[in-house]
Protein backbone atom coordinates (compact mmCIF):
# COMPACT_ATOMS: atom_id res chain seq x y z
CA UNK A 1 -0.26 -0.46 -0.28
CA UNK A 2 2.79 2.25 0.84
CA UNK A 3 3.87 1.98 -3.24
CA UNK A 4 0.50 2.48 -3.80
CA UNK A 5 -0.02 5.68 -1.89
CA UNK A 6 2.98 7.34 -3.10
CA UNK A 7 2.22 6.87 -6.40
CA UNK A 8 4.63 4.14 -7.40
CA UNK A 9 2.17 1.68 -7.92
CA UNK A 10 -1.08 1.70 -9.76
CA UNK A 11 -1.56 -1.30 -8.28
CA UNK A 12 -3.32 -2.00 -4.71
CA UNK A 13 -4.33 -6.08 -4.82
CA UNK A 14 -3.37 -8.74 -5.39
CA UNK A 15 -5.85 -8.78 -8.29
CA UNK A 16 -3.81 -5.75 -9.48
CA UNK A 17 -0.90 -8.30 -10.24
CA UNK A 18 -3.33 -10.17 -12.65
CA UNK A 19 -1.55 -8.95 -16.23
CA UNK A 20 1.46 -10.22 -15.04
CA UNK A 21 0.49 -13.85 -15.12
CA UNK A 22 -2.35 -12.89 -18.36
CA UNK A 23 0.80 -11.44 -20.11
CA UNK A 24 2.51 -15.12 -20.32
CA UNK A 25 -0.07 -17.76 -19.28
CA UNK A 26 0.18 -19.37 -22.55
CA UNK A 27 4.32 -20.34 -22.58
CA UNK A 28 4.81 -24.12 -22.03
CA UNK A 29 8.99 -23.99 -22.31
CA UNK A 30 11.63 -21.85 -21.20
CA UNK A 31 12.22 -21.26 -24.82
CA UNK A 32 8.59 -19.75 -25.32
CA UNK A 33 8.82 -17.71 -21.46
CA UNK A 34 12.03 -16.76 -22.66
CA UNK A 35 11.55 -15.24 -26.13
CA UNK A 36 8.31 -13.15 -24.80
CA UNK A 37 9.76 -12.09 -21.74
CA UNK A 38 12.49 -10.32 -24.31
CA UNK A 39 9.61 -8.94 -26.91
CA UNK A 40 7.38 -7.69 -23.68
CA UNK A 41 10.01 -6.23 -21.97
CA UNK A 42 12.03 -4.13 -25.08
CA UNK A 43 9.38 -3.40 -27.69
CA UNK A 44 5.94 -2.65 -24.97
CA UNK A 45 7.39 -0.10 -22.48
CA UNK A 46 5.31 3.39 -22.73
CA UNK A 47 6.27 5.78 -20.60
CA UNK A 48 3.37 6.93 -18.07
CA UNK A 49 1.99 4.26 -16.50
CA UNK A 50 3.40 4.82 -13.29
CA UNK A 51 7.19 5.93 -10.95
CA UNK A 52 7.59 2.09 -11.33
CA UNK A 53 7.33 0.93 -14.49
CA UNK A 54 9.50 4.51 -15.76
CA UNK A 55 12.09 3.26 -12.59
CA UNK A 56 12.36 0.23 -14.26
CA UNK A 57 11.82 1.06 -18.13
CA UNK A 58 9.91 -2.96 -19.00
CA UNK A 59 7.42 -3.15 -20.44
CA UNK A 60 6.07 -6.21 -18.91
CA UNK A 61 5.53 -3.41 -15.82
CA UNK A 62 3.66 -0.87 -18.55
CA UNK A 63 1.44 -3.47 -19.19
CA UNK A 64 1.06 -4.74 -15.59
CA UNK A 65 0.37 -0.49 -14.41
CA UNK A 66 -2.14 -0.21 -17.84
CA UNK A 67 -3.88 -3.37 -16.82
CA UNK A 68 -4.96 -1.81 -13.43
CA UNK A 69 -5.87 1.72 -14.71
CA UNK A 70 -8.03 0.19 -17.61
CA UNK A 71 -9.53 -2.24 -14.94
CA UNK A 72 -11.01 1.41 -12.88
CA UNK A 73 -11.88 2.60 -15.67
CA UNK A 74 -9.21 5.38 -16.33
CA UNK A 75 -8.42 6.93 -19.62
CA UNK A 76 -5.05 5.13 -21.39
CA UNK A 77 -3.69 6.13 -24.53
CA UNK A 78 -4.77 3.83 -27.87
CA UNK A 79 -1.08 2.83 -27.79
CA UNK A 80 -1.68 1.36 -24.47
CA UNK A 81 -4.92 -0.19 -25.27
CA UNK A 82 -3.38 -1.85 -27.62
CA UNK A 83 -0.75 -3.45 -25.83
CA UNK A 84 -3.49 -4.32 -23.32
CA UNK A 85 -5.05 -6.07 -26.14
CA UNK A 86 -2.64 -8.08 -27.24
CA UNK A 87 -1.28 -9.29 -23.83
CA UNK A 88 -3.48 -9.57 -21.40
CA UNK A 89 -7.44 -9.00 -23.15
CA UNK A 90 -7.02 -11.92 -25.53
CA UNK A 91 -7.73 -14.09 -22.42
CA UNK A 92 -11.69 -12.63 -22.04
CA UNK A 93 -14.03 -15.15 -23.95
């Protein structure tokens, strides 16, 4: 909660961390995970989702923090919505 209250993290509950799981859910081997982790880390970073994500410059953190904001109904840039659709929202069926 301290990190949430200081603005460092958007997450304030365990449910808010689901994007980390959903992003990598289909990885069935270490190789698949490693490949996707590289793709997400280096190609999905978008500045401005949280202080933590910005400091890490990590796309997985961008996605996780954006997911929290999306679930709260916050308005997000189209580029962030595209990330969520590609890596997280595909599991909504």
